[in-house]
Amino acid sequence: MFEAVEELIGEHADLEKKLADPAVHADQANARRLGKRYAELTPIVGAYHAWKATGEDVAAARELAVDDPDFAAEVKELEARQEELTERLRLLLVPRDPSDDKDVILEIKAGEGGEESALFAGDLLRMYLRYAERRNWKTEIIEANESDLGGYKDVQVAVKARQSSGGGAAVEPGQGVWARLKYEGGVHRVQRVPATESQGRIHTSAAGVLVLPEAEEVDVEINPNDLRIDVYRSSGPGGQSVNTTDSAVRITHVPTGIVVSCQNEKSQLQNKEQALRILRARLLAAAQEEAEKEASDARRSQVRTVDRSERVRTYNFPENRISDHRVGFKAYNLDQVLDGDLDAVIQACVDADSAARLAAAR
């Protein structure tokens, strides 16, 4: 049933030998790659050994039960344990998202609804910042374009898992920032009485959320000849000049037409570095979406769709209700969710995704 595991066990043992060789660690990038793969395989190997041992225990208990009925109850317990391990191992063997361990760049853009949409975008930003704080993630505002009433026309924030003192990721494989926040992409709709509404009528507006796995330089190679870089003076709300130097940077990736601007930092070099970070993430996302389009089976097993314009969630303030339309999740603790208590909402998406992947792999 799990013939492929034998090959993975061999790969795991080979990786263990390589990682024990000091010469391998001379190349830190290669050592990290090998260590990451080793960490991915370790749970599979452990689950397989437990499954195999339990199978042997079941066989032995059945033989003993023939002569001693007292072993019949033990057989049932062991069979139940074997079934649990079978499902766990099957789930571990389901192909997972290779980006699950990555950090993310999260973008929130105001949509239909004018100032109310911008205020809602600000609410979403605070929700994600507080959720990140609850999970001990590090956040960094990369670029922000505020509205007149204190909301955001658009804002980009980097979200990172904190690193351990040894330099490795502080989370288990598959439990990184992308593994949780990737389900947030799409149109988020709000129903409430806006602060700008004088007659108490409920309005509906929306904001878009885009979540990108943050690319490392090794993930995406950018040819400097493919870039057009423009510099200009930073400006604040209403066009007011922030400084008198050309520190803002606009980068155009000519082959794809992707344009990234950054003006939050004080120096032109810092703005260029931030813009390149965003550009790498967008290029990686574009490449992954193209791959997903070609792999229709993989796309069917996803909870979220590639079309990020699809409405994913509604925030109903009068009823204190949060609804996720993709998985049918509904709860009446909107105030707590907006305060960063997002785990139950996201876990519903994670569980649905896992169930769909498992069903596709059977």
Protein backbone atom coordinates (compact mmCIF):
# COMPACT_ATOMS: atom_id res chain seq x y z
CA MET A 1 0.00 0.00 0.00
CA PHE A 2 2.83 2.36 0.84
CA GLU A 3 5.50 1.02 -1.52
CA ALA A 4 6.80 4.53 -2.25
CA VAL A 5 7.80 4.95 1.40
CA GLU A 6 10.70 2.50 1.07
CA GLU A 7 12.32 4.86 -1.43
CA LEU A 8 11.73 7.82 0.89
CA ILE A 9 13.30 5.89 3.80
CA GLY A 10 16.40 5.34 1.66
CA GLU A 11 16.52 9.05 0.79
CA HIS A 12 16.11 9.95 4.47
CA ALA A 13 19.02 7.71 5.49
CA ASP A 14 21.19 9.14 2.71
CA LEU A 15 20.41 12.70 3.81
CA GLU A 16 21.28 11.81 7.40
CA LYS A 17 24.73 10.66 6.29
CA LYS A 18 25.31 13.78 4.21
CA LEU A 19 24.26 16.13 6.99
CA ALA A 20 26.69 14.37 9.34
CA ASP A 21 29.55 15.27 6.99
CA PRO A 22 31.16 18.60 8.03
CA ALA A 23 32.21 19.23 4.42
CA VAL A 24 28.54 19.54 3.39
CA HIS A 25 28.08 22.51 5.73
CA ALA A 26 30.77 24.47 3.91
CA ASP A 27 28.04 25.29 1.42
CA GLN A 28 25.36 26.81 3.68
CA ALA A 29 22.73 27.09 0.95
CA ASN A 30 23.08 23.40 0.08
CA ALA A 31 23.11 22.41 3.76
CA ARG A 32 19.85 24.32 4.34
CA ARG A 33 18.28 22.63 1.32
CA LEU A 34 19.30 19.16 2.53
CA GLY A 35 18.20 19.96 6.09
CA LYS A 36 14.80 21.14 4.89
CA ARG A 37 14.23 17.95 2.89
CA TYR A 38 15.39 15.83 5.84
CA ALA A 39 12.89 17.60 8.09
CA GLU A 40 10.12 16.99 5.55
CA LEU A 41 10.83 13.24 5.40
CA THR A 42 11.31 12.64 9.14
CA PRO A 43 7.56 12.61 10.05
CA ILE A 44 6.85 10.23 7.15
CA VAL A 45 9.59 7.82 8.19
CA GLY A 46 8.46 7.91 11.83
CA ALA A 47 4.81 7.30 10.92
CA TYR A 48 5.74 4.45 8.58
CA HIS A 49 7.79 2.65 11.23
CA ALA A 50 4.93 3.04 13.73
CA TRP A 51 2.42 1.76 11.15
CA LYS A 52 4.57 -1.23 10.27
CA ALA A 53 5.21 -2.13 13.94
CA THR A 54 1.50 -1.92 14.74
CA GLY A 55 0.73 -4.19 11.78
CA GLU A 56 3.12 -6.78 13.19
CA ASP A 57 1.49 -6.44 16.62
CA VAL A 58 -1.96 -7.00 15.08
CA ALA A 59 -0.80 -10.18 13.35
CA ALA A 60 0.74 -11.51 16.56
CA ALA A 61 -2.36 -10.68 18.64
CA ARG A 62 -4.63 -12.43 16.13
CA GLU A 63 -2.57 -15.61 16.40
CA LEU A 64 -2.71 -15.51 20.20
CA ALA A 65 -6.47 -14.83 20.16
CA VAL A 66 -7.07 -18.18 18.48
CA ASP A 67 -6.08 -20.00 21.68
CA ASP A 68 -6.81 -17.24 24.22
CA PRO A 69 -10.05 -15.21 23.81
CA ASP A 70 -8.68 -12.55 26.19
CA PHE A 71 -6.54 -11.27 23.30
CA ALA A 72 -9.64 -10.48 21.17
CA ALA A 73 -10.10 -7.07 22.83
CA GLU A 74 -6.43 -6.24 22.29
CA VAL A 75 -6.81 -7.12 18.60
CA LYS A 76 -9.61 -4.55 18.24
CA GLU A 77 -7.54 -1.85 19.96
CA LEU A 78 -4.53 -2.54 17.78
CA GLU A 79 -6.64 -2.58 14.60
CA ALA A 80 -8.11 0.82 15.53
CA ARG A 81 -4.59 2.15 16.14
CA GLN A 82 -3.43 0.71 12.80
CA GLU A 83 -6.29 2.45 11.00
CA GLU A 84 -5.36 5.79 12.61
CA LEU A 85 -1.74 5.37 11.53
CA THR A 86 -2.84 4.37 8.03
CA GLU A 87 -4.80 7.61 7.62
CA ARG A 88 -1.97 9.68 9.11
CA LEU A 89 0.58 8.13 6.79
CA ARG A 90 -1.68 8.52 3.76
CA LEU A 91 -2.14 12.20 4.61
CA LEU A 92 1.63 12.70 5.04
CA LEU A 93 2.21 11.17 1.61
CA VAL A 94 -0.23 13.52 -0.14
CA PRO A 95 1.81 16.02 -2.21
CA ARG A 96 1.93 19.27 -0.26
CA ASP A 97 2.35 22.86 -1.31
CA PRO A 98 6.12 23.40 -1.71
CA SER A 99 5.71 27.01 -0.56
CA ASP A 100 4.15 26.13 2.81
CA ASP A 101 7.35 26.94 4.71
CA LYS A 102 7.80 30.34 3.07
CA ASP A 103 7.19 33.78 4.52
CA VAL A 104 4.72 36.00 2.70
CA ILE A 105 4.10 39.45 1.34
CA LEU A 106 0.49 40.40 1.96
CA GLU A 107 -1.18 43.20 -0.01
CA ILE A 108 -4.52 44.79 0.88
CA LYS A 109 -6.25 47.11 -1.59
CA ALA A 110 -9.40 49.16 -1.10
CA GLY A 111 -12.10 48.30 -3.65
CA GLU A 112 -15.66 49.39 -4.23
CA GLY A 113 -16.98 51.66 -1.51
CA GLY A 114 -14.62 54.64 -1.51
CA GLU A 115 -13.53 55.83 1.95
CA GLU A 116 -15.49 53.05 3.67
CA SER A 117 -13.54 50.46 1.66
CA ALA A 118 -10.27 52.13 2.66
CA LEU A 119 -11.32 52.05 6.34
CA PHE A 120 -12.17 48.35 5.98
CA ALA A 121 -8.76 47.74 4.41
CA GLY A 122 -7.30 49.28 7.56
CA ASP A 123 -9.41 46.91 9.69
CA LEU A 124 -8.09 43.94 7.73
CA LEU A 125 -4.52 45.14 8.16
CA ARG A 126 -4.95 45.40 11.94
CA MET A 127 -6.57 41.95 11.97
CA TYR A 128 -3.59 40.37 10.22
CA LEU A 129 -1.05 42.25 12.33
CA ARG A 130 -2.74 41.03 15.51
CA TYR A 131 -3.01 37.48 14.16
CA ALA A 132 0.71 37.56 13.35
CA GLU A 133 1.41 38.77 16.90
CA ARG A 134 -0.61 35.87 18.33
CA ARG A 135 1.49 33.40 16.31
CA ASN A 136 4.75 35.13 17.21
CA TRP A 137 5.40 36.16 13.60
CA LYS A 138 7.36 39.27 12.67
CA THR A 139 5.66 41.93 10.52
CA GLU A 140 7.04 44.83 8.51
CA ILE A 141 5.04 47.47 6.61
CA ILE A 142 6.75 47.74 3.22
CA GLU A 143 4.55 50.28 1.46
CA ALA A 144 1.40 52.11 2.60
CA ASN A 145 -0.90 54.59 0.86
CA GLU A 146 -3.23 56.03 3.49
CA SER A 147 -6.63 57.57 2.83
CA ASP A 148 -7.83 60.92 4.18
CA LEU A 149 -9.86 59.32 7.00
CA GLY A 150 -7.08 57.06 8.27
CA GLY A 151 -7.78 53.97 6.19
CA TYR A 152 -5.60 52.52 3.45
CA LYS A 153 -5.99 52.76 -0.30
CA ASP A 154 -3.39 50.01 -0.45
CA VAL A 155 -0.80 48.58 1.90
CA GLN A 156 1.86 45.88 1.64
CA VAL A 157 3.23 44.04 4.65
CA ALA A 158 5.91 41.34 4.97
CA VAL A 159 5.05 38.57 7.43
CA LYS A 160 7.85 36.30 8.62
CA ALA A 161 8.17 33.36 10.99
CA ARG A 162 10.71 34.24 13.66
CA GLN A 163 14.00 32.39 13.38
CA SER A 164 15.45 30.21 16.10
CA SER A 165 18.85 31.01 17.60
CA GLY A 166 20.36 28.27 15.47
CA GLY A 167 19.28 30.05 12.30
CA GLY A 168 16.66 27.48 11.33
CA ALA A 169 12.94 28.00 11.00
CA ALA A 170 11.10 28.06 14.33
CA VAL A 171 8.18 26.06 12.90
CA GLU A 172 7.79 22.50 11.65
CA PRO A 173 7.82 21.79 7.90
CA GLY A 174 4.52 22.76 6.29
CA GLN A 175 3.58 25.07 9.18
CA GLY A 176 5.07 28.33 7.93
CA VAL A 177 3.36 31.65 7.29
CA TRP A 178 2.24 30.75 3.75
CA ALA A 179 0.67 27.49 5.03
CA ARG A 180 -1.81 29.59 7.03
CA LEU A 181 -2.21 32.88 5.17
CA LYS A 182 -2.44 31.50 1.62
CA TYR A 183 -6.20 31.03 2.11
CA GLU A 184 -6.71 34.78 2.67
CA GLY A 185 -6.32 35.79 -0.99
CA GLY A 186 -9.47 37.13 -2.64
CA VAL A 187 -12.21 39.71 -2.18
CA HIS A 188 -13.31 40.35 1.41
CA ARG A 189 -16.76 41.92 1.73
CA VAL A 190 -17.99 44.02 4.67
CA GLN A 191 -21.58 44.87 5.63
CA ARG A 192 -21.95 47.66 8.20
CA VAL A 193 -23.05 51.25 8.80
CA PRO A 194 -20.11 53.37 7.58
CA ALA A 195 -18.66 56.14 9.69
CA THR A 196 -19.56 58.48 6.82
CA GLU A 197 -23.25 57.39 6.80
CA SER A 198 -25.52 59.97 8.49
CA GLN A 199 -28.82 58.05 8.25
CA GLY A 200 -27.72 54.74 9.75
CA ARG A 201 -28.06 52.68 6.58
CA ILE A 202 -26.03 49.47 6.16
CA HIS A 203 -23.64 49.59 3.23
CA THR A 204 -21.70 46.83 1.50
CA SER A 205 -18.14 47.45 0.36
CA ALA A 206 -15.10 45.32 -0.31
CA ALA A 207 -11.33 45.15 -0.15
CA GLY A 208 -8.99 42.82 -2.02
CA VAL A 209 -6.29 40.73 -0.35
CA LEU A 210 -3.35 39.31 -2.28
CA VAL A 211 -0.99 36.88 -0.54
CA LEU A 212 2.34 36.02 -2.17
CA PRO A 213 4.99 33.59 -0.93
CA GLU A 214 8.11 35.69 -0.44
CA ALA A 215 10.75 34.63 -2.92
CA GLU A 216 14.38 34.30 -2.00
CA GLU A 217 16.97 35.36 -4.54
CA VAL A 218 17.60 31.69 -5.36
CA ASP A 219 13.89 31.21 -6.20
CA VAL A 220 13.69 33.84 -8.92
CA GLU A 221 16.55 35.07 -11.04
CA ILE A 222 16.08 38.61 -12.30
CA ASN A 223 18.15 39.78 -15.24
CA PRO A 224 19.12 43.43 -14.57
CA ASN A 225 18.78 44.07 -18.31
CA ASP A 226 15.06 43.24 -18.01
CA LEU A 227 14.45 46.09 -15.55
CA ARG A 228 13.53 49.70 -16.20
CA ILE A 229 14.15 51.75 -13.05
CA ASP A 230 12.67 55.23 -12.61
CA VAL A 231 13.27 57.52 -9.64
CA TYR A 232 11.05 60.37 -8.49
CA ARG A 233 10.26 62.44 -5.43
CA SER A 234 8.20 60.79 -2.68
CA SER A 235 4.84 62.35 -1.95
CA GLY A 236 2.31 62.01 0.84
CA PRO A 237 -1.50 62.28 0.96
CA GLY A 238 -2.85 64.95 -1.37
CA GLY A 239 0.39 65.14 -3.31
CA GLN A 240 2.28 66.88 -0.50
CA SER A 241 6.03 66.48 -0.95
CA VAL A 242 7.68 64.29 1.68
CA ASN A 243 11.25 65.15 0.77
CA THR A 244 13.19 67.08 -1.80
CA THR A 245 15.28 64.23 -3.20
CA ASP A 246 14.46 61.64 -5.82
CA SER A 247 14.30 58.75 -3.34
CA ALA A 248 11.14 56.99 -4.58
CA VAL A 249 11.70 54.10 -6.98
CA ARG A 250 9.53 52.55 -9.66
CA ILE A 251 10.73 49.27 -11.22
CA THR A 252 9.21 47.85 -14.39
CA HIS A 253 9.94 44.24 -15.31
CA VAL A 254 9.84 44.63 -19.07
CA PRO A 255 9.20 40.97 -20.11
CA THR A 256 6.08 40.66 -17.93
CA GLY A 257 5.02 44.30 -17.61
CA ILE A 258 4.91 44.03 -13.79
CA VAL A 259 5.41 47.44 -12.15
CA VAL A 260 6.42 47.92 -8.51
CA SER A 261 6.79 51.26 -6.72
CA CYS A 262 8.22 52.02 -3.30
CA GLN A 263 8.67 55.35 -1.53
CA ASN A 264 8.39 54.57 2.21
CA GLU A 265 12.13 54.39 2.92
CA LYS A 266 14.32 57.47 3.21
CA SER A 267 16.96 56.44 0.70
CA GLN A 268 16.73 55.50 -2.95
CA LEU A 269 18.78 52.32 -2.30
CA GLN A 270 16.43 51.12 0.44
CA ASN A 271 13.38 51.75 -1.73
CA LYS A 272 15.02 49.85 -4.58
CA GLU A 273 15.71 46.86 -2.33
CA GLN A 274 12.12 46.81 -1.07
CA ALA A 275 10.74 47.09 -4.61
CA LEU A 276 12.93 44.18 -5.74
CA ARG A 277 11.58 42.08 -2.84
CA ILE A 278 8.03 42.66 -4.01
CA LEU A 279 8.97 42.08 -7.66
CA ARG A 280 10.61 38.71 -6.85
CA ALA A 281 7.50 37.62 -4.94
CA ARG A 282 5.19 38.63 -7.81
CA LEU A 283 7.33 36.86 -10.40
CA LEU A 284 7.38 33.71 -8.27
CA ALA A 285 3.59 33.87 -7.85
CA ALA A 286 3.13 34.34 -11.61
CA ALA A 287 5.33 31.31 -12.33
CA GLN A 288 3.45 29.19 -9.80
CA GLU A 289 0.06 30.24 -11.16
CA GLU A 290 1.18 29.27 -14.67
CA ALA A 291 2.25 25.87 -13.36
CA GLU A 292 -1.10 25.48 -11.59
CA LYS A 293 -2.97 26.19 -14.83
CA GLU A 294 -1.08 23.36 -16.52
CA ALA A 295 -1.70 20.95 -13.63
CA SER A 296 -5.51 20.77 -13.67
CA ASP A 297 -5.65 17.86 -11.21
CA ALA A 298 -3.65 19.83 -8.68
CA ARG A 299 -5.91 22.84 -9.15
CA ARG A 300 -9.02 20.76 -8.44
CA SER A 301 -7.56 19.70 -5.09
CA GLN A 302 -7.11 23.30 -3.96
CA VAL A 303 -9.63 25.05 -1.71
CA ARG A 304 -8.66 28.46 -2.94
CA THR A 305 -8.77 29.37 -6.61
CA VAL A 306 -6.18 31.05 -8.76
CA ASP A 307 -8.78 33.71 -9.60
CA ARG A 308 -8.16 36.12 -6.74
CA SER A 309 -11.21 38.22 -7.68
CA GLU A 310 -13.52 35.56 -6.22
CA ARG A 311 -15.34 36.65 -3.07
CA VAL A 312 -14.02 34.56 -0.21
CA ARG A 313 -15.43 36.04 2.99
CA THR A 314 -18.11 38.35 4.39
CA TYR A 315 -17.82 40.40 7.59
CA ASN A 316 -21.33 41.29 8.81
CA PHE A 317 -21.11 43.84 11.63
CA PRO A 318 -24.85 44.10 12.58
CA GLU A 319 -24.94 40.32 13.22
CA ASN A 320 -21.33 40.08 14.48
CA ARG A 321 -21.00 37.31 11.88
CA ILE A 322 -18.02 36.04 9.86
CA SER A 323 -18.72 33.77 6.86
CA ASP A 324 -16.23 31.98 4.62
CA HIS A 325 -18.06 31.14 1.40
CA ARG A 326 -15.56 28.56 0.13
CA VAL A 327 -15.96 26.05 2.94
CA GLY A 328 -19.28 27.08 4.50
CA PHE A 329 -17.69 28.30 7.73
CA LYS A 330 -19.85 30.62 9.84
CA ALA A 331 -19.32 32.05 13.33
CA TYR A 332 -20.72 34.90 15.41
CA ASN A 333 -17.53 36.27 16.93
CA LEU A 334 -16.59 38.86 14.32
CA ASP A 335 -15.27 41.23 16.98
CA GLN A 336 -12.80 38.57 18.16
CA VAL A 337 -11.78 37.67 14.60
CA LEU A 338 -11.00 41.31 13.81
CA ASP A 339 -8.89 41.33 16.96
CA GLY A 340 -6.70 38.62 15.43
CA ASP A 341 -8.53 35.44 16.51
CA LEU A 342 -8.38 33.95 13.02
CA ASP A 343 -7.31 30.39 13.76
CA ALA A 344 -10.77 28.77 13.57
CA VAL A 345 -11.56 30.49 10.25
CA ILE A 346 -8.24 29.51 8.68
CA GLN A 347 -8.32 25.98 10.13
CA ALA A 348 -11.64 25.36 8.36
CA CYS A 349 -9.87 26.11 5.06
CA VAL A 350 -6.84 23.98 6.00
CA ASP A 351 -9.07 21.01 6.89
CA ALA A 352 -11.08 21.30 3.66
CA ASP A 353 -7.89 21.53 1.63
CA SER A 354 -6.40 18.47 3.38
CA ALA A 355 -9.60 16.47 2.83
CA ALA A 356 -9.68 17.38 -0.86
CA ARG A 357 -6.00 16.46 -1.34
CA LEU A 358 -6.48 13.17 0.50
CA ALA A 359 -9.56 12.28 -1.56
CA ALA A 360 -7.68 13.06 -4.79
CA ALA A 361 -4.79 10.83 -3.73
CA ARG A 362 -6.90 7.76 -2.89
